[in-house]
Amino acid sequence: MASIEDARRRTGYDVTEATVDDVLSALRSAEPPTPGTGIVWWLYAGRKPRTPYLVAGLRGARGSLAWHENGETFLPADGVGEEPVDYFSLQGAHFPQPSGSEVSAEEVLRAVRELCESRTRPACVSWKPA
């Protein structure tokens, strides 16, 4: 595993190669480039082709979740937002997250923890097709 400083600069994680605490610490400590925007990460449970992945973002007290598997995207069933929301990678690339993808920051962190521990789609979130 790379140093925690290196982990904090990454926007993608193979959660089989990082500790839960390192991933959560990196997510919590990242600062968005502009107030009111969020930071987004891509979280994989392995490196095989077509590995399902979670896109997780934090934006203050809110966050964004999207599960990608077999060419389909799933959003939280109780997600909010009528419009896409501005999120950025740590490198500054703009990755707007879809409307209806935002939930509480606590729910995002629970989902990330569950993905890291189970290496499967987080069951703590009720999902719906995007």
N, C-alpha and C. Protein backbone atom coordinates (compact mmCIF):
# COMPACT_ATOMS: atom_id res chain seq x y z
N MET A 1 0.85 -1.19 0.00
CA MET A 1 0.00 0.00 0.00
C MET A 1 0.88 1.23 0.00
N ALA A 2 0.50 2.21 -0.79
CA ALA A 2 1.21 3.49 -0.82
C ALA A 2 0.98 4.23 0.49
N SER A 3 1.72 5.29 0.67
CA SER A 3 1.57 6.07 1.89
C SER A 3 0.18 6.70 1.94
N ILE A 4 -0.23 7.11 3.13
CA ILE A 4 -1.54 7.76 3.28
C ILE A 4 -1.57 9.06 2.48
N GLU A 5 -0.42 9.75 2.36
CA GLU A 5 -0.37 10.98 1.57
C GLU A 5 -0.65 10.67 0.10
N ASP A 6 -0.07 9.58 -0.41
CA ASP A 6 -0.34 9.18 -1.79
C ASP A 6 -1.81 8.80 -1.95
N ALA A 7 -2.35 8.08 -0.99
CA ALA A 7 -3.75 7.65 -1.06
C ALA A 7 -4.68 8.85 -1.10
N ARG A 8 -4.35 9.90 -0.39
CA ARG A 8 -5.23 11.08 -0.36
C ARG A 8 -5.26 11.81 -1.70
N ARG A 9 -4.26 11.62 -2.54
CA ARG A 9 -4.21 12.29 -3.83
C ARG A 9 -4.89 11.48 -4.93
N ARG A 10 -5.28 10.26 -4.66
CA ARG A 10 -5.87 9.39 -5.67
C ARG A 10 -7.37 9.62 -5.78
N THR A 11 -7.90 9.39 -6.98
CA THR A 11 -9.34 9.48 -7.16
C THR A 11 -9.95 8.12 -7.45
N GLY A 12 -9.14 7.10 -7.61
CA GLY A 12 -9.63 5.75 -7.82
C GLY A 12 -8.93 4.80 -6.87
N TYR A 13 -9.68 3.87 -6.34
CA TYR A 13 -9.13 2.91 -5.39
C TYR A 13 -9.59 1.51 -5.74
N ASP A 14 -8.65 0.58 -5.74
CA ASP A 14 -9.01 -0.83 -5.70
C ASP A 14 -9.10 -1.13 -4.22
N VAL A 15 -10.31 -1.30 -3.71
CA VAL A 15 -10.50 -1.44 -2.27
C VAL A 15 -9.94 -2.75 -1.73
N THR A 16 -9.50 -3.64 -2.63
CA THR A 16 -8.83 -4.85 -2.16
C THR A 16 -7.37 -4.57 -1.82
N GLU A 17 -6.87 -3.39 -2.18
CA GLU A 17 -5.47 -3.04 -1.96
C GLU A 17 -5.28 -1.89 -0.97
N ALA A 18 -6.34 -1.39 -0.39
CA ALA A 18 -6.27 -0.29 0.57
C ALA A 18 -7.10 -0.64 1.79
N THR A 19 -6.71 -0.10 2.92
CA THR A 19 -7.51 -0.36 4.12
C THR A 19 -8.75 0.51 4.11
N VAL A 20 -9.78 0.06 4.78
CA VAL A 20 -11.01 0.84 4.91
C VAL A 20 -10.69 2.21 5.49
N ASP A 21 -9.89 2.24 6.54
CA ASP A 21 -9.57 3.51 7.20
C ASP A 21 -8.84 4.46 6.27
N ASP A 22 -7.92 3.95 5.43
CA ASP A 22 -7.21 4.83 4.49
C ASP A 22 -8.16 5.42 3.46
N VAL A 23 -9.06 4.61 2.93
CA VAL A 23 -10.01 5.10 1.94
C VAL A 23 -10.93 6.15 2.57
N LEU A 24 -11.50 5.85 3.73
CA LEU A 24 -12.40 6.80 4.39
C LEU A 24 -11.68 8.08 4.78
N SER A 25 -10.46 7.97 5.25
CA SER A 25 -9.68 9.15 5.62
C SER A 25 -9.43 10.04 4.41
N ALA A 26 -9.08 9.43 3.28
CA ALA A 26 -8.84 10.20 2.07
C ALA A 26 -10.10 10.92 1.61
N LEU A 27 -11.24 10.24 1.67
CA LEU A 27 -12.49 10.86 1.26
C LEU A 27 -12.84 12.04 2.16
N ARG A 28 -12.70 11.85 3.45
CA ARG A 28 -13.06 12.90 4.41
C ARG A 28 -12.15 14.12 4.32
N SER A 29 -10.88 13.92 3.99
CA SER A 29 -9.92 15.02 4.04
C SER A 29 -9.81 15.82 2.76
N ALA A 30 -10.37 15.35 1.67
CA ALA A 30 -10.25 16.06 0.39
C ALA A 30 -11.06 17.35 0.39
N GLU A 31 -10.51 18.36 -0.27
CA GLU A 31 -11.20 19.65 -0.35
C GLU A 31 -11.54 19.94 -1.80
N PRO A 32 -12.79 20.33 -2.07
CA PRO A 32 -13.18 20.63 -3.45
C PRO A 32 -12.52 21.92 -3.93
N PRO A 33 -12.41 22.08 -5.27
CA PRO A 33 -11.75 23.26 -5.81
C PRO A 33 -12.55 24.55 -5.63
N THR A 34 -13.86 24.42 -5.50
CA THR A 34 -14.74 25.58 -5.39
C THR A 34 -15.76 25.32 -4.30
N PRO A 35 -16.05 26.32 -3.46
CA PRO A 35 -17.10 26.12 -2.44
C PRO A 35 -18.42 25.68 -3.08
N GLY A 36 -19.12 24.78 -2.41
CA GLY A 36 -20.41 24.30 -2.89
C GLY A 36 -20.32 23.14 -3.86
N THR A 37 -19.10 22.76 -4.24
CA THR A 37 -18.93 21.60 -5.13
C THR A 37 -18.42 20.43 -4.31
N GLY A 38 -18.33 19.29 -4.94
CA GLY A 38 -17.87 18.10 -4.23
C GLY A 38 -16.67 17.46 -4.91
N ILE A 39 -16.12 16.47 -4.23
CA ILE A 39 -15.02 15.65 -4.75
C ILE A 39 -15.57 14.24 -4.96
N VAL A 40 -15.19 13.62 -6.07
CA VAL A 40 -15.71 12.30 -6.42
C VAL A 40 -14.57 11.30 -6.61
N TRP A 41 -14.86 10.03 -6.26
CA TRP A 41 -13.90 8.93 -6.38
C TRP A 41 -14.57 7.75 -7.07
N TRP A 42 -13.73 6.90 -7.67
CA TRP A 42 -14.16 5.65 -8.28
C TRP A 42 -13.58 4.52 -7.45
N LEU A 43 -14.44 3.66 -6.94
CA LEU A 43 -14.02 2.60 -6.02
C LEU A 43 -14.32 1.24 -6.63
N TYR A 44 -13.28 0.44 -6.81
CA TYR A 44 -13.36 -0.88 -7.43
C TYR A 44 -13.02 -1.96 -6.41
N ALA A 45 -13.62 -3.13 -6.56
CA ALA A 45 -13.27 -4.27 -5.70
C ALA A 45 -12.51 -5.29 -6.55
N GLY A 46 -11.39 -4.88 -7.09
CA GLY A 46 -10.56 -5.73 -7.92
C GLY A 46 -10.15 -5.02 -9.19
N ARG A 47 -9.33 -5.70 -9.99
CA ARG A 47 -8.79 -5.09 -11.21
C ARG A 47 -9.22 -5.81 -12.49
N LYS A 48 -10.07 -6.79 -12.39
CA LYS A 48 -10.48 -7.53 -13.58
C LYS A 48 -11.32 -6.63 -14.48
N PRO A 49 -11.30 -6.90 -15.81
CA PRO A 49 -12.17 -6.14 -16.71
C PRO A 49 -13.64 -6.28 -16.29
N ARG A 50 -14.37 -5.24 -16.48
CA ARG A 50 -15.81 -5.17 -16.17
C ARG A 50 -16.11 -5.35 -14.68
N THR A 51 -15.15 -5.05 -13.83
CA THR A 51 -15.41 -5.09 -12.39
C THR A 51 -16.42 -4.01 -12.05
N PRO A 52 -17.51 -4.34 -11.36
CA PRO A 52 -18.46 -3.31 -10.93
C PRO A 52 -17.75 -2.29 -10.04
N TYR A 53 -18.27 -1.07 -10.03
CA TYR A 53 -17.63 -0.05 -9.21
C TYR A 53 -18.64 0.95 -8.66
N LEU A 54 -18.22 1.59 -7.60
CA LEU A 54 -19.02 2.61 -6.93
C LEU A 54 -18.38 3.96 -7.18
N VAL A 55 -19.17 4.92 -7.65
CA VAL A 55 -18.73 6.31 -7.72
C VAL A 55 -19.31 6.98 -6.49
N ALA A 56 -18.42 7.50 -5.64
CA ALA A 56 -18.83 8.11 -4.38
C ALA A 56 -18.25 9.50 -4.29
N GLY A 57 -19.08 10.45 -3.90
CA GLY A 57 -18.61 11.82 -3.75
C GLY A 57 -19.06 12.41 -2.44
N LEU A 58 -18.32 13.40 -1.98
CA LEU A 58 -18.69 14.14 -0.78
C LEU A 58 -18.74 15.63 -1.12
N ARG A 59 -19.77 16.29 -0.58
CA ARG A 59 -20.00 17.72 -0.80
C ARG A 59 -20.61 18.27 0.48
N GLY A 60 -19.77 18.56 1.45
CA GLY A 60 -20.26 19.05 2.73
C GLY A 60 -21.06 17.96 3.44
N ALA A 61 -22.28 18.29 3.86
CA ALA A 61 -23.14 17.34 4.58
C ALA A 61 -23.84 16.37 3.63
N ARG A 62 -23.67 16.55 2.33
CA ARG A 62 -24.29 15.69 1.33
C ARG A 62 -23.21 14.92 0.59
N GLY A 63 -23.65 13.99 -0.19
CA GLY A 63 -22.73 13.24 -1.03
C GLY A 63 -23.49 12.59 -2.16
N SER A 64 -22.77 11.94 -3.04
CA SER A 64 -23.36 11.33 -4.22
C SER A 64 -22.93 9.87 -4.31
N LEU A 65 -23.85 9.02 -4.76
CA LEU A 65 -23.56 7.60 -4.97
C LEU A 65 -24.10 7.16 -6.32
N ALA A 66 -23.34 6.34 -7.02
CA ALA A 66 -23.80 5.69 -8.25
C ALA A 66 -23.07 4.36 -8.36
N TRP A 67 -23.82 3.29 -8.56
CA TRP A 67 -23.25 1.95 -8.72
C TRP A 67 -23.29 1.60 -10.20
N HIS A 68 -22.16 1.13 -10.75
CA HIS A 68 -22.04 0.78 -12.16
C HIS A 68 -21.72 -0.70 -12.28
N GLU A 69 -22.58 -1.42 -13.03
CA GLU A 69 -22.39 -2.86 -13.19
C GLU A 69 -23.02 -3.33 -14.49
N ASN A 70 -22.26 -4.11 -15.28
CA ASN A 70 -22.75 -4.68 -16.54
C ASN A 70 -23.37 -3.63 -17.46
N GLY A 71 -22.75 -2.46 -17.54
CA GLY A 71 -23.24 -1.41 -18.42
C GLY A 71 -24.43 -0.64 -17.90
N GLU A 72 -24.88 -0.94 -16.70
CA GLU A 72 -26.02 -0.24 -16.11
C GLU A 72 -25.55 0.62 -14.94
N THR A 73 -26.31 1.69 -14.69
CA THR A 73 -26.04 2.57 -13.56
C THR A 73 -27.23 2.54 -12.63
N PHE A 74 -26.94 2.48 -11.33
CA PHE A 74 -27.97 2.48 -10.30
C PHE A 74 -27.71 3.63 -9.34
N LEU A 75 -28.80 4.28 -8.93
CA LEU A 75 -28.74 5.41 -8.00
C LEU A 75 -29.49 5.06 -6.73
N PRO A 76 -29.23 5.78 -5.64
CA PRO A 76 -29.99 5.52 -4.41
C PRO A 76 -31.48 5.77 -4.65
N ALA A 77 -32.31 4.85 -4.18
CA ALA A 77 -33.76 4.99 -4.35
C ALA A 77 -34.29 6.25 -3.67
N ASP A 78 -33.62 6.67 -2.59
CA ASP A 78 -34.05 7.88 -1.88
C ASP A 78 -33.17 9.08 -2.18
N GLY A 79 -32.41 9.01 -3.29
CA GLY A 79 -31.55 10.12 -3.67
C GLY A 79 -32.35 11.36 -4.03
N VAL A 80 -31.74 12.52 -3.82
CA VAL A 80 -32.41 13.79 -4.07
C VAL A 80 -31.66 14.58 -5.13
N GLY A 81 -32.33 15.63 -5.61
CA GLY A 81 -31.73 16.54 -6.58
C GLY A 81 -32.43 16.46 -7.92
N GLU A 82 -32.88 17.61 -8.38
CA GLU A 82 -33.58 17.69 -9.67
C GLU A 82 -32.61 17.89 -10.84
N GLU A 83 -31.41 18.36 -10.54
CA GLU A 83 -30.42 18.68 -11.56
C GLU A 83 -29.11 17.97 -11.24
N PRO A 84 -28.26 17.76 -12.24
CA PRO A 84 -26.92 17.24 -11.96
C PRO A 84 -26.19 18.19 -11.01
N VAL A 85 -25.27 17.64 -10.22
CA VAL A 85 -24.55 18.41 -9.21
C VAL A 85 -23.06 18.40 -9.55
N ASP A 86 -22.40 19.54 -9.33
CA ASP A 86 -20.99 19.68 -9.67
C ASP A 86 -20.09 18.95 -8.68
N TYR A 87 -19.35 17.98 -9.20
CA TYR A 87 -18.31 17.27 -8.47
C TYR A 87 -17.06 17.29 -9.34
N PHE A 88 -15.90 17.21 -8.69
CA PHE A 88 -14.63 17.26 -9.38
C PHE A 88 -13.72 16.16 -8.87
N SER A 89 -12.78 15.73 -9.72
CA SER A 89 -11.72 14.84 -9.26
C SER A 89 -10.72 15.68 -8.47
N LEU A 90 -9.82 15.03 -7.76
CA LEU A 90 -8.78 15.76 -7.04
C LEU A 90 -7.87 16.52 -7.99
N GLN A 91 -7.80 16.08 -9.23
CA GLN A 91 -6.98 16.77 -10.22
C GLN A 91 -7.71 17.94 -10.87
N GLY A 92 -8.98 18.15 -10.51
CA GLY A 92 -9.73 19.30 -11.01
C GLY A 92 -10.64 19.03 -12.19
N ALA A 93 -10.71 17.78 -12.68
CA ALA A 93 -11.60 17.47 -13.80
C ALA A 93 -13.05 17.47 -13.31
N HIS A 94 -13.93 18.04 -14.13
CA HIS A 94 -15.35 18.18 -13.78
C HIS A 94 -16.10 16.89 -14.09
N PHE A 95 -16.76 16.34 -13.09
CA PHE A 95 -17.56 15.12 -13.23
C PHE A 95 -18.92 15.35 -12.58
N PRO A 96 -19.85 16.05 -13.26
CA PRO A 96 -21.17 16.26 -12.66
C PRO A 96 -21.83 14.92 -12.35
N GLN A 97 -22.45 14.84 -11.19
CA GLN A 97 -23.14 13.62 -10.80
C GLN A 97 -24.62 13.75 -11.11
N PRO A 98 -25.26 12.64 -11.47
CA PRO A 98 -26.63 12.70 -11.97
C PRO A 98 -27.64 13.20 -10.94
N SER A 99 -28.70 13.80 -11.45
CA SER A 99 -29.80 14.19 -10.56
C SER A 99 -30.32 12.93 -9.87
N GLY A 100 -30.69 13.08 -8.61
CA GLY A 100 -31.19 11.95 -7.84
C GLY A 100 -30.11 11.09 -7.22
N SER A 101 -28.85 11.51 -7.33
CA SER A 101 -27.75 10.69 -6.78
C SER A 101 -27.31 11.13 -5.39
N GLU A 102 -27.82 12.26 -4.91
CA GLU A 102 -27.32 12.76 -3.62
C GLU A 102 -28.09 12.21 -2.43
N VAL A 103 -27.32 11.87 -1.41
CA VAL A 103 -27.82 11.38 -0.12
C VAL A 103 -26.98 12.06 0.96
N SER A 104 -27.19 11.72 2.21
CA SER A 104 -26.38 12.31 3.27
C SER A 104 -24.93 11.82 3.16
N ALA A 105 -24.01 12.64 3.65
CA ALA A 105 -22.59 12.24 3.67
C ALA A 105 -22.41 10.97 4.50
N GLU A 106 -23.19 10.84 5.57
CA GLU A 106 -23.09 9.64 6.40
C GLU A 106 -23.45 8.38 5.61
N GLU A 107 -24.48 8.48 4.76
CA GLU A 107 -24.86 7.32 3.95
C GLU A 107 -23.76 6.97 2.94
N VAL A 108 -23.14 7.99 2.37
CA VAL A 108 -22.02 7.74 1.44
C VAL A 108 -20.91 6.99 2.16
N LEU A 109 -20.53 7.47 3.34
CA LEU A 109 -19.44 6.83 4.08
C LEU A 109 -19.79 5.40 4.51
N ARG A 110 -21.07 5.16 4.87
CA ARG A 110 -21.50 3.79 5.20
C ARG A 110 -21.37 2.88 3.98
N ALA A 111 -21.80 3.39 2.82
CA ALA A 111 -21.73 2.60 1.59
C ALA A 111 -20.28 2.29 1.21
N VAL A 112 -19.41 3.26 1.36
CA VAL A 112 -17.99 3.03 1.05
C VAL A 112 -17.41 2.00 2.01
N ARG A 113 -17.70 2.13 3.28
CA ARG A 113 -17.21 1.15 4.26
C ARG A 113 -17.70 -0.25 3.89
N GLU A 114 -18.98 -0.37 3.56
CA GLU A 114 -19.52 -1.69 3.22
C GLU A 114 -18.86 -2.26 1.97
N LEU A 115 -18.65 -1.43 0.95
CA LEU A 115 -17.97 -1.91 -0.25
C LEU A 115 -16.57 -2.41 0.10
N CYS A 116 -15.85 -1.67 0.91
CA CYS A 116 -14.49 -2.07 1.30
C CYS A 116 -14.50 -3.40 2.06
N GLU A 117 -15.50 -3.60 2.88
CA GLU A 117 -15.56 -4.82 3.70
C GLU A 117 -16.13 -6.02 2.95
N SER A 118 -17.16 -5.79 2.14
CA SER A 118 -17.85 -6.91 1.48
C SER A 118 -17.37 -7.16 0.05
N ARG A 119 -16.84 -6.10 -0.58
CA ARG A 119 -16.40 -6.14 -1.98
C ARG A 119 -17.55 -6.42 -2.94
N THR A 120 -18.76 -6.07 -2.51
CA THR A 120 -19.95 -6.19 -3.35
C THR A 120 -20.77 -4.91 -3.24
N ARG A 121 -21.80 -4.81 -4.07
CA ARG A 121 -22.65 -3.61 -4.04
C ARG A 121 -23.19 -3.41 -2.63
N PRO A 122 -23.03 -2.21 -2.08
CA PRO A 122 -23.49 -1.95 -0.71
C PRO A 122 -24.99 -2.19 -0.55
N ALA A 123 -25.34 -3.08 0.37
CA ALA A 123 -26.74 -3.39 0.65
C ALA A 123 -27.37 -2.39 1.60
N CYS A 124 -26.55 -1.52 2.21
CA CYS A 124 -27.10 -0.50 3.11
C CYS A 124 -27.83 0.59 2.32
N VAL A 125 -27.72 0.56 1.00
CA VAL A 125 -28.40 1.51 0.12
C VAL A 125 -29.44 0.74 -0.68
N SER A 126 -30.64 1.30 -0.78
CA SER A 126 -31.65 0.76 -1.70
C SER A 126 -31.38 1.40 -3.06
N TRP A 127 -31.19 0.59 -4.08
CA TRP A 127 -30.80 1.09 -5.39
C TRP A 127 -31.96 1.02 -6.38
N LYS A 128 -31.94 1.92 -7.36
CA LYS A 128 -32.90 1.90 -8.47
C LYS A 128 -32.13 2.18 -9.76
N PRO A 129 -32.61 1.67 -10.88
CA PRO A 129 -31.94 1.98 -12.15
C PRO A 129 -31.96 3.48 -12.41
N ALA A 130 -30.87 3.98 -12.97
CA ALA A 130 -30.78 5.42 -13.27
C ALA A 130 -31.67 5.78 -14.44
